[in-house]
N, C-alpha and C. Protein backbone atom coordinates (compact mmCIF):
# COMPACT_ATOMS: atom_id res chain seq x y z
N MET A 1 -12.70 -9.57 -81.49
CA MET A 1 -13.17 -8.86 -80.37
C MET A 1 -14.65 -8.72 -80.18
N SER A 2 -15.25 -9.63 -80.85
CA SER A 2 -16.69 -9.66 -80.58
C SER A 2 -17.16 -9.98 -79.33
N GLY A 3 -18.07 -9.30 -78.78
CA GLY A 3 -18.50 -9.51 -77.48
C GLY A 3 -17.77 -8.88 -76.37
N THR A 4 -16.70 -8.17 -76.76
CA THR A 4 -15.96 -7.51 -75.74
C THR A 4 -16.00 -5.83 -76.11
N SER A 5 -15.72 -5.19 -75.01
CA SER A 5 -15.57 -3.77 -75.20
C SER A 5 -14.37 -3.24 -74.67
N SER A 6 -13.78 -2.21 -75.23
CA SER A 6 -12.62 -1.63 -74.61
C SER A 6 -13.10 -0.77 -73.46
N PRO A 7 -12.17 -0.55 -72.44
CA PRO A 7 -12.54 0.42 -71.36
C PRO A 7 -12.74 1.81 -71.93
N SER A 8 -13.66 2.52 -71.28
CA SER A 8 -13.84 3.86 -71.77
C SER A 8 -12.65 4.82 -71.50
N THR A 9 -12.50 5.77 -72.39
CA THR A 9 -11.44 6.68 -72.15
C THR A 9 -11.93 7.93 -71.45
N PRO A 10 -11.31 8.22 -70.19
CA PRO A 10 -11.83 9.46 -69.45
C PRO A 10 -11.79 10.69 -70.36
N GLY A 11 -12.89 11.46 -70.23
CA GLY A 11 -12.95 12.72 -70.93
C GLY A 11 -13.27 12.65 -72.39
N ARG A 12 -13.77 11.52 -72.81
CA ARG A 12 -14.13 11.38 -74.22
C ARG A 12 -15.57 11.75 -74.43
N ASP A 13 -16.49 10.79 -74.19
CA ASP A 13 -17.94 11.09 -74.53
C ASP A 13 -18.85 10.59 -73.38
N HIS A 14 -18.42 10.78 -72.16
CA HIS A 14 -19.11 10.46 -70.99
C HIS A 14 -19.45 11.60 -70.23
N PRO A 15 -20.75 11.85 -69.89
CA PRO A 15 -21.08 13.07 -69.03
C PRO A 15 -20.28 12.99 -67.73
N GLY A 16 -19.93 14.16 -67.25
CA GLY A 16 -19.16 14.25 -66.07
C GLY A 16 -17.66 13.95 -66.03
N GLU A 17 -17.20 13.30 -67.19
CA GLU A 17 -15.76 13.14 -67.29
C GLU A 17 -15.09 14.20 -67.99
N ARG A 18 -13.88 14.53 -67.71
CA ARG A 18 -13.20 15.65 -68.15
C ARG A 18 -11.95 15.28 -68.89
N ALA A 19 -11.46 16.07 -69.73
CA ALA A 19 -10.13 15.87 -70.46
C ALA A 19 -9.10 16.09 -69.38
N ALA A 20 -7.90 15.51 -69.56
CA ALA A 20 -6.81 15.63 -68.68
C ALA A 20 -6.43 17.18 -68.49
N ALA A 21 -6.37 17.88 -69.59
CA ALA A 21 -6.06 19.19 -69.60
C ALA A 21 -7.15 20.13 -69.05
N ASP A 22 -6.71 21.35 -68.49
CA ASP A 22 -7.72 22.22 -68.04
C ASP A 22 -8.75 22.70 -69.11
N PRO A 23 -10.06 22.44 -68.97
CA PRO A 23 -10.98 22.78 -69.98
C PRO A 23 -11.16 24.30 -70.14
N ILE A 24 -10.69 25.09 -69.16
CA ILE A 24 -10.71 26.50 -69.39
C ILE A 24 -9.49 26.91 -70.21
N ARG A 25 -9.78 27.15 -71.36
CA ARG A 25 -8.71 27.50 -72.42
C ARG A 25 -8.40 28.96 -72.55
N LEU A 26 -9.38 29.83 -72.23
CA LEU A 26 -9.08 31.24 -72.43
C LEU A 26 -10.15 32.06 -71.61
N LEU A 27 -9.70 32.87 -70.71
CA LEU A 27 -10.42 33.83 -69.96
C LEU A 27 -9.78 35.06 -69.85
N ALA A 28 -10.47 36.19 -70.23
CA ALA A 28 -9.63 37.46 -70.33
C ALA A 28 -10.59 38.68 -70.25
N ILE A 29 -10.23 39.75 -69.84
CA ILE A 29 -10.73 41.01 -70.05
C ILE A 29 -9.79 41.86 -70.69
N ARG A 30 -10.17 42.49 -71.76
CA ARG A 30 -9.25 43.26 -72.65
C ARG A 30 -9.80 44.53 -73.00
N ASP A 31 -8.81 45.46 -73.24
CA ASP A 31 -9.14 46.79 -73.79
C ASP A 31 -8.85 46.93 -75.33
N THR A 32 -8.67 45.77 -75.92
CA THR A 32 -8.40 45.77 -77.44
C THR A 32 -9.58 44.93 -78.07
N PRO A 33 -9.74 45.13 -79.44
CA PRO A 33 -10.85 44.48 -80.02
C PRO A 33 -10.83 42.95 -79.85
N LEU A 34 -11.98 42.29 -79.77
CA LEU A 34 -12.12 40.91 -79.53
C LEU A 34 -12.17 40.16 -80.86
N SER A 35 -11.78 38.84 -80.82
CA SER A 35 -11.83 38.01 -81.99
C SER A 35 -12.70 36.74 -81.89
N VAL A 36 -13.66 36.68 -82.61
CA VAL A 36 -14.52 35.51 -82.59
C VAL A 36 -13.65 34.23 -82.96
N ASP A 37 -12.80 34.37 -83.94
CA ASP A 37 -11.95 33.32 -84.35
C ASP A 37 -11.09 32.75 -83.36
N GLU A 38 -10.45 33.72 -82.39
CA GLU A 38 -9.60 33.33 -81.39
C GLU A 38 -10.38 32.53 -80.35
N VAL A 39 -11.59 32.83 -79.96
CA VAL A 39 -12.39 32.20 -79.05
C VAL A 39 -12.85 30.85 -79.56
N PHE A 40 -13.26 30.87 -80.78
CA PHE A 40 -13.70 29.57 -81.37
C PHE A 40 -12.53 28.54 -81.45
N ALA A 41 -11.38 29.07 -81.80
CA ALA A 41 -10.27 28.09 -81.88
C ALA A 41 -9.81 27.60 -80.53
N ALA A 42 -9.94 28.42 -79.54
CA ALA A 42 -9.61 27.99 -78.17
C ALA A 42 -10.44 26.83 -77.72
N VAL A 43 -11.62 26.76 -78.14
CA VAL A 43 -12.50 25.56 -77.56
C VAL A 43 -12.49 24.33 -78.56
N GLY A 44 -11.68 24.43 -79.51
CA GLY A 44 -11.59 23.24 -80.37
C GLY A 44 -11.16 22.02 -79.67
N ASP A 45 -11.85 20.91 -79.82
CA ASP A 45 -11.57 19.67 -79.16
C ASP A 45 -12.15 18.45 -80.01
N ALA A 46 -11.18 17.59 -80.38
CA ALA A 46 -11.66 16.37 -81.18
C ALA A 46 -12.74 15.57 -80.69
N ALA A 47 -12.92 15.60 -79.28
CA ALA A 47 -13.91 14.77 -78.63
C ALA A 47 -15.34 15.56 -78.62
N ALA A 48 -15.33 16.78 -78.93
CA ALA A 48 -16.54 17.50 -78.95
C ALA A 48 -17.38 17.43 -80.16
N GLY A 49 -18.60 17.10 -79.96
CA GLY A 49 -19.55 17.04 -81.09
C GLY A 49 -20.34 18.27 -81.32
N GLY A 50 -20.29 19.19 -80.25
CA GLY A 50 -21.05 20.41 -80.33
C GLY A 50 -20.32 21.55 -79.71
N THR A 51 -20.34 22.68 -80.47
CA THR A 51 -19.65 23.91 -79.94
C THR A 51 -20.69 24.98 -80.06
N ALA A 52 -20.91 25.69 -79.03
CA ALA A 52 -21.96 26.85 -78.96
C ALA A 52 -20.99 28.13 -78.69
N LEU A 53 -21.35 29.08 -79.43
CA LEU A 53 -20.64 30.37 -79.33
C LEU A 53 -21.65 31.51 -79.24
N PHE A 54 -21.43 32.39 -78.34
CA PHE A 54 -22.17 33.60 -78.17
C PHE A 54 -21.36 34.86 -78.39
N VAL A 55 -21.78 35.82 -79.19
CA VAL A 55 -21.22 37.09 -79.40
C VAL A 55 -22.03 38.25 -79.07
N GLY A 56 -21.70 39.04 -78.09
CA GLY A 56 -22.42 40.18 -77.68
C GLY A 56 -21.84 41.35 -78.31
N THR A 57 -22.71 42.16 -79.00
CA THR A 57 -22.23 43.38 -79.67
C THR A 57 -22.95 44.61 -79.19
N VAL A 58 -22.27 45.79 -79.43
CA VAL A 58 -22.94 47.05 -78.97
C VAL A 58 -23.99 47.33 -79.93
N ARG A 59 -25.16 47.55 -79.45
CA ARG A 59 -26.27 47.87 -80.27
C ARG A 59 -26.60 49.36 -80.29
N SER A 60 -27.34 49.85 -81.30
CA SER A 60 -27.55 51.25 -81.48
C SER A 60 -28.69 51.78 -80.62
N HIS A 61 -29.38 50.95 -79.85
CA HIS A 61 -30.50 51.41 -79.02
C HIS A 61 -30.56 50.48 -77.80
N ASP A 62 -31.23 51.06 -76.78
CA ASP A 62 -31.58 50.24 -75.60
C ASP A 62 -32.86 50.83 -74.96
N ASN A 63 -33.72 49.91 -74.83
CA ASN A 63 -35.06 50.33 -74.28
C ASN A 63 -35.69 51.40 -74.93
N GLY A 64 -35.62 51.45 -76.33
CA GLY A 64 -36.21 52.54 -77.12
C GLY A 64 -35.40 53.68 -77.32
N ALA A 65 -34.33 53.86 -76.58
CA ALA A 65 -33.42 55.10 -76.72
C ALA A 65 -32.27 54.82 -77.63
N ASP A 66 -31.99 55.77 -78.48
CA ASP A 66 -30.79 55.67 -79.38
C ASP A 66 -29.50 55.89 -78.60
N VAL A 67 -28.56 54.93 -78.67
CA VAL A 67 -27.29 54.95 -77.94
C VAL A 67 -26.34 55.74 -78.84
N ASP A 68 -25.56 56.62 -78.15
CA ASP A 68 -24.58 57.48 -78.80
C ASP A 68 -23.18 56.84 -78.50
N ALA A 69 -22.94 56.51 -77.30
CA ALA A 69 -21.59 56.00 -76.79
C ALA A 69 -21.75 54.97 -75.76
N LEU A 70 -20.77 54.16 -75.58
CA LEU A 70 -20.95 53.06 -74.59
C LEU A 70 -19.45 52.80 -74.08
N GLY A 71 -19.29 52.57 -72.76
CA GLY A 71 -18.01 52.28 -72.16
C GLY A 71 -18.22 51.20 -71.13
N TYR A 72 -17.23 50.21 -71.08
CA TYR A 72 -17.30 49.12 -70.05
C TYR A 72 -16.14 49.38 -69.11
N SER A 73 -16.31 49.20 -67.79
CA SER A 73 -15.18 49.29 -66.90
C SER A 73 -15.33 47.99 -66.02
N ALA A 74 -14.30 47.47 -65.46
CA ALA A 74 -14.30 46.22 -64.69
C ALA A 74 -13.59 46.46 -63.38
N HIS A 75 -14.10 45.79 -62.42
CA HIS A 75 -13.41 45.77 -60.98
C HIS A 75 -12.18 44.93 -61.18
N PRO A 76 -11.14 45.12 -60.42
CA PRO A 76 -9.90 44.28 -60.44
C PRO A 76 -10.15 42.78 -60.13
N THR A 77 -11.31 42.40 -59.60
CA THR A 77 -11.51 40.93 -59.30
C THR A 77 -12.38 40.35 -60.42
N ALA A 78 -12.70 41.06 -61.55
CA ALA A 78 -13.53 40.60 -62.48
C ALA A 78 -13.02 39.30 -63.20
N GLU A 79 -11.69 39.13 -63.52
CA GLU A 79 -11.29 37.92 -64.06
C GLU A 79 -11.32 36.74 -63.18
N ALA A 80 -11.14 36.96 -61.87
CA ALA A 80 -11.20 35.85 -60.87
C ALA A 80 -12.70 35.44 -60.77
N GLU A 81 -13.63 36.47 -60.94
CA GLU A 81 -15.09 36.04 -60.96
C GLU A 81 -15.35 35.22 -62.09
N MET A 82 -14.80 35.65 -63.27
CA MET A 82 -15.05 34.86 -64.52
C MET A 82 -14.65 33.43 -64.38
N ARG A 83 -13.40 33.22 -63.74
CA ARG A 83 -12.95 31.87 -63.55
C ARG A 83 -13.89 31.04 -62.61
N ARG A 84 -14.35 31.74 -61.51
CA ARG A 84 -15.25 31.04 -60.54
C ARG A 84 -16.51 30.56 -61.37
N ILE A 85 -17.06 31.41 -62.27
CA ILE A 85 -18.20 31.05 -63.02
C ILE A 85 -17.89 29.93 -64.01
N ALA A 86 -16.79 30.06 -64.68
CA ALA A 86 -16.36 29.01 -65.58
C ALA A 86 -16.22 27.60 -64.94
N GLU A 87 -15.57 27.63 -63.71
CA GLU A 87 -15.50 26.40 -63.00
C GLU A 87 -16.82 25.80 -62.64
N LYS A 88 -17.80 26.67 -62.26
CA LYS A 88 -19.01 26.20 -61.99
C LYS A 88 -19.84 25.51 -63.14
N VAL A 89 -19.72 26.21 -64.26
CA VAL A 89 -20.29 25.68 -65.52
C VAL A 89 -19.64 24.41 -65.85
N ILE A 90 -18.31 24.20 -65.64
CA ILE A 90 -17.64 22.96 -65.95
C ILE A 90 -18.10 21.93 -65.00
N ALA A 91 -18.21 22.23 -63.72
CA ALA A 91 -18.75 21.29 -62.72
C ALA A 91 -20.12 20.77 -63.03
N ASP A 92 -21.03 21.62 -63.67
CA ASP A 92 -22.41 21.28 -63.88
C ASP A 92 -22.70 20.75 -65.32
N HIS A 93 -21.78 20.77 -66.23
CA HIS A 93 -21.98 20.39 -67.60
C HIS A 93 -20.72 19.56 -68.11
N PRO A 94 -20.97 18.73 -69.10
CA PRO A 94 -19.85 17.94 -69.61
C PRO A 94 -18.95 18.66 -70.68
N VAL A 95 -18.36 19.67 -70.04
CA VAL A 95 -17.56 20.69 -70.87
C VAL A 95 -16.21 20.02 -71.21
N ARG A 96 -15.90 20.10 -72.56
CA ARG A 96 -14.56 19.70 -73.07
C ARG A 96 -13.69 20.94 -73.13
N ALA A 97 -14.19 22.05 -73.45
CA ALA A 97 -13.40 23.27 -73.58
C ALA A 97 -14.33 24.50 -73.36
N LEU A 98 -13.71 25.55 -72.78
CA LEU A 98 -14.57 26.81 -72.58
C LEU A 98 -13.60 27.99 -72.65
N ALA A 99 -14.18 29.09 -73.18
CA ALA A 99 -13.46 30.31 -73.40
C ALA A 99 -14.43 31.49 -73.19
N ALA A 100 -13.87 32.56 -72.68
CA ALA A 100 -14.75 33.74 -72.53
C ALA A 100 -13.77 34.98 -72.49
N VAL A 101 -14.10 36.08 -73.25
CA VAL A 101 -13.37 37.24 -73.18
C VAL A 101 -14.35 38.45 -73.27
N HIS A 102 -14.08 39.45 -72.48
CA HIS A 102 -14.97 40.52 -72.37
C HIS A 102 -14.10 41.86 -72.65
N ARG A 103 -14.65 42.75 -73.25
CA ARG A 103 -14.00 44.07 -73.60
C ARG A 103 -14.29 45.06 -72.61
N VAL A 104 -13.35 45.90 -72.30
CA VAL A 104 -13.58 47.14 -71.50
C VAL A 104 -13.09 48.26 -72.30
N GLY A 105 -13.47 49.55 -71.87
CA GLY A 105 -13.02 50.71 -72.46
C GLY A 105 -14.16 51.31 -73.34
N ASP A 106 -13.93 52.23 -74.24
CA ASP A 106 -14.87 52.91 -74.98
C ASP A 106 -15.18 52.09 -76.32
N LEU A 107 -16.40 51.66 -76.54
CA LEU A 107 -16.78 50.92 -77.69
C LEU A 107 -17.77 51.67 -78.55
N ARG A 108 -17.66 51.36 -79.88
CA ARG A 108 -18.68 51.92 -80.86
C ARG A 108 -19.78 50.90 -81.14
N ILE A 109 -20.81 51.41 -81.75
CA ILE A 109 -21.93 50.60 -82.27
C ILE A 109 -21.36 49.48 -83.10
N GLY A 110 -21.67 48.31 -82.89
CA GLY A 110 -21.31 47.18 -83.71
C GLY A 110 -20.00 46.51 -83.19
N ASP A 111 -19.32 47.17 -82.23
CA ASP A 111 -18.13 46.45 -81.66
C ASP A 111 -18.55 45.23 -80.87
N LEU A 112 -17.60 44.31 -80.86
CA LEU A 112 -17.84 43.15 -79.92
C LEU A 112 -17.54 43.37 -78.58
N ALA A 113 -18.52 43.14 -77.62
CA ALA A 113 -18.36 43.47 -76.20
C ALA A 113 -17.90 42.25 -75.41
N VAL A 114 -18.43 41.08 -75.85
CA VAL A 114 -18.16 39.83 -75.22
C VAL A 114 -18.25 38.68 -76.23
N VAL A 115 -17.32 37.70 -76.04
CA VAL A 115 -17.48 36.45 -76.83
C VAL A 115 -17.11 35.21 -75.92
N VAL A 116 -18.03 34.26 -75.89
CA VAL A 116 -17.92 33.12 -75.03
C VAL A 116 -18.15 31.91 -75.97
N ALA A 117 -17.52 30.85 -75.68
CA ALA A 117 -17.81 29.50 -76.39
C ALA A 117 -17.52 28.33 -75.45
N VAL A 118 -18.34 27.33 -75.79
CA VAL A 118 -18.18 26.08 -75.04
C VAL A 118 -18.37 24.92 -75.94
N SER A 119 -17.44 23.98 -75.80
CA SER A 119 -17.53 22.66 -76.53
C SER A 119 -17.82 21.57 -75.59
N CYS A 120 -18.77 20.62 -76.01
CA CYS A 120 -19.18 19.60 -75.24
C CYS A 120 -19.38 18.28 -76.23
N PRO A 121 -19.51 17.16 -75.64
CA PRO A 121 -19.81 15.97 -76.50
C PRO A 121 -20.93 16.11 -77.41
N HIS A 122 -21.98 16.81 -77.06
CA HIS A 122 -23.20 16.84 -77.87
C HIS A 122 -23.69 18.32 -77.88
N ARG A 123 -24.47 18.68 -78.91
CA ARG A 123 -24.88 20.02 -79.10
C ARG A 123 -25.86 20.55 -77.99
N GLY A 124 -26.77 19.84 -77.48
CA GLY A 124 -27.63 20.25 -76.43
C GLY A 124 -26.85 20.65 -75.24
N GLU A 125 -25.88 19.90 -74.91
CA GLU A 125 -24.96 20.17 -73.73
C GLU A 125 -24.30 21.53 -73.98
N ALA A 126 -23.76 21.74 -75.22
CA ALA A 126 -23.05 22.91 -75.50
C ALA A 126 -23.95 24.13 -75.44
N PHE A 127 -25.12 24.04 -75.99
CA PHE A 127 -26.05 25.16 -75.88
C PHE A 127 -26.28 25.54 -74.41
N ASP A 128 -26.71 24.50 -73.63
CA ASP A 128 -27.02 24.73 -72.23
C ASP A 128 -25.76 25.36 -71.46
N ALA A 129 -24.62 24.80 -71.70
CA ALA A 129 -23.40 25.31 -70.92
C ALA A 129 -23.12 26.70 -71.42
N CYS A 130 -23.26 26.96 -72.73
CA CYS A 130 -22.93 28.37 -73.15
C CYS A 130 -23.92 29.36 -72.63
N ARG A 131 -25.08 29.00 -72.61
CA ARG A 131 -26.17 29.87 -72.12
C ARG A 131 -25.89 30.17 -70.62
N LYS A 132 -25.66 29.20 -69.86
CA LYS A 132 -25.38 29.33 -68.47
C LYS A 132 -24.15 30.25 -68.24
N LEU A 133 -23.09 30.08 -69.03
CA LEU A 133 -21.82 30.72 -68.94
C LEU A 133 -22.10 32.35 -69.27
N ILE A 134 -22.78 32.63 -70.32
CA ILE A 134 -23.00 33.99 -70.66
C ILE A 134 -23.99 34.68 -69.61
N ASP A 135 -25.04 33.97 -69.30
CA ASP A 135 -25.98 34.54 -68.27
C ASP A 135 -25.36 34.84 -66.92
N ASP A 136 -24.52 33.89 -66.47
CA ASP A 136 -23.86 34.11 -65.15
C ASP A 136 -22.86 35.23 -65.21
N LEU A 137 -22.10 35.20 -66.37
CA LEU A 137 -21.04 36.30 -66.56
C LEU A 137 -21.81 37.63 -66.45
N LYS A 138 -22.87 37.85 -67.20
CA LYS A 138 -23.63 39.01 -67.32
C LYS A 138 -24.14 39.43 -65.90
N HIS A 139 -24.61 38.47 -65.09
CA HIS A 139 -25.19 38.87 -63.83
C HIS A 139 -24.17 38.90 -62.64
N GLU A 140 -23.05 38.25 -62.74
CA GLU A 140 -22.21 38.13 -61.54
C GLU A 140 -20.88 38.80 -61.65
N VAL A 141 -20.27 38.93 -62.82
CA VAL A 141 -18.98 39.52 -63.01
C VAL A 141 -19.06 40.96 -62.89
N PRO A 142 -18.21 41.66 -62.01
CA PRO A 142 -18.33 43.10 -61.79
C PRO A 142 -17.68 43.84 -62.98
N ILE A 143 -18.50 43.90 -64.03
CA ILE A 143 -18.31 44.70 -65.21
C ILE A 143 -19.42 45.66 -65.43
N TRP A 144 -19.18 47.01 -65.47
CA TRP A 144 -20.20 47.88 -65.60
C TRP A 144 -20.27 48.60 -66.95
N LYS A 145 -21.42 48.86 -67.40
CA LYS A 145 -21.70 49.51 -68.67
C LYS A 145 -22.20 50.79 -68.44
N HIS A 146 -21.50 51.86 -69.16
CA HIS A 146 -21.95 53.27 -69.08
C HIS A 146 -22.46 53.60 -70.47
N GLN A 147 -23.78 53.93 -70.58
CA GLN A 147 -24.37 54.34 -71.83
C GLN A 147 -24.76 55.81 -71.91
N THR A 148 -24.37 56.40 -72.95
CA THR A 148 -24.70 57.78 -73.25
C THR A 148 -25.74 57.73 -74.42
N PHE A 149 -26.85 58.46 -74.28
CA PHE A 149 -27.89 58.34 -75.31
C PHE A 149 -27.74 59.65 -76.17
N VAL A 150 -28.36 59.55 -77.35
CA VAL A 150 -28.30 60.71 -78.31
C VAL A 150 -29.03 61.88 -77.65
N ASP A 151 -29.98 61.83 -76.80
CA ASP A 151 -30.68 62.91 -76.19
C ASP A 151 -29.87 63.51 -75.13
N GLY A 152 -28.72 62.95 -74.85
CA GLY A 152 -27.85 63.51 -73.74
C GLY A 152 -27.98 62.85 -72.38
N THR A 153 -28.97 62.06 -72.24
CA THR A 153 -29.08 61.32 -71.01
C THR A 153 -27.99 60.15 -70.96
N GLU A 154 -27.83 59.73 -69.78
CA GLU A 154 -26.87 58.48 -69.56
C GLU A 154 -27.38 57.57 -68.53
N GLU A 155 -26.83 56.44 -68.50
CA GLU A 155 -27.03 55.49 -67.40
C GLU A 155 -25.90 54.52 -67.23
N TRP A 156 -25.80 54.02 -66.04
CA TRP A 156 -24.89 52.97 -65.69
C TRP A 156 -25.71 51.70 -65.45
N VAL A 157 -25.26 50.59 -66.05
CA VAL A 157 -25.87 49.31 -65.84
C VAL A 157 -25.00 48.34 -65.11
N GLY A 158 -25.62 47.65 -64.10
CA GLY A 158 -24.90 46.81 -63.20
C GLY A 158 -23.88 45.89 -63.99
N ALA A 159 -23.88 44.63 -63.60
CA ALA A 159 -22.94 43.78 -64.40
C ALA A 159 -23.35 43.78 -65.79
N SER A 160 -22.33 43.74 -66.64
CA SER A 160 -22.64 43.86 -68.19
C SER A 160 -23.51 42.67 -68.60
């Protein structure tokens, strides 16, 4: 076979090509605890050389104020918006697999609020796609955060 090459296999290691299966492996809004392992497993792909995962947790403070309680609520269209954003990330990056799960309801400090992951042929692509996914989810999906602070004040924050 010297001097010859086999035709490329679509969806393997070529930017812009996709696997035959839908790369959106998991999208959900849940009122139950989230699992990093579930999201990571969902984006497993033998042709992916890089997987980037982001985990958003409830922190004990925000803008210098101590947080006492936090709750998320979602508009009925939130999952459809998550899909739209996921499809755009896939169109703009060589994504092999993508997953995103966001929590709603009352959460405690340290609870997982959102877990997203993207696998791509190379690490840089995975980092870029994962960052785009979480940034766009945060800014465009109609999920609202209600924070109550230790001093009794509270605030609603736009998209989570």
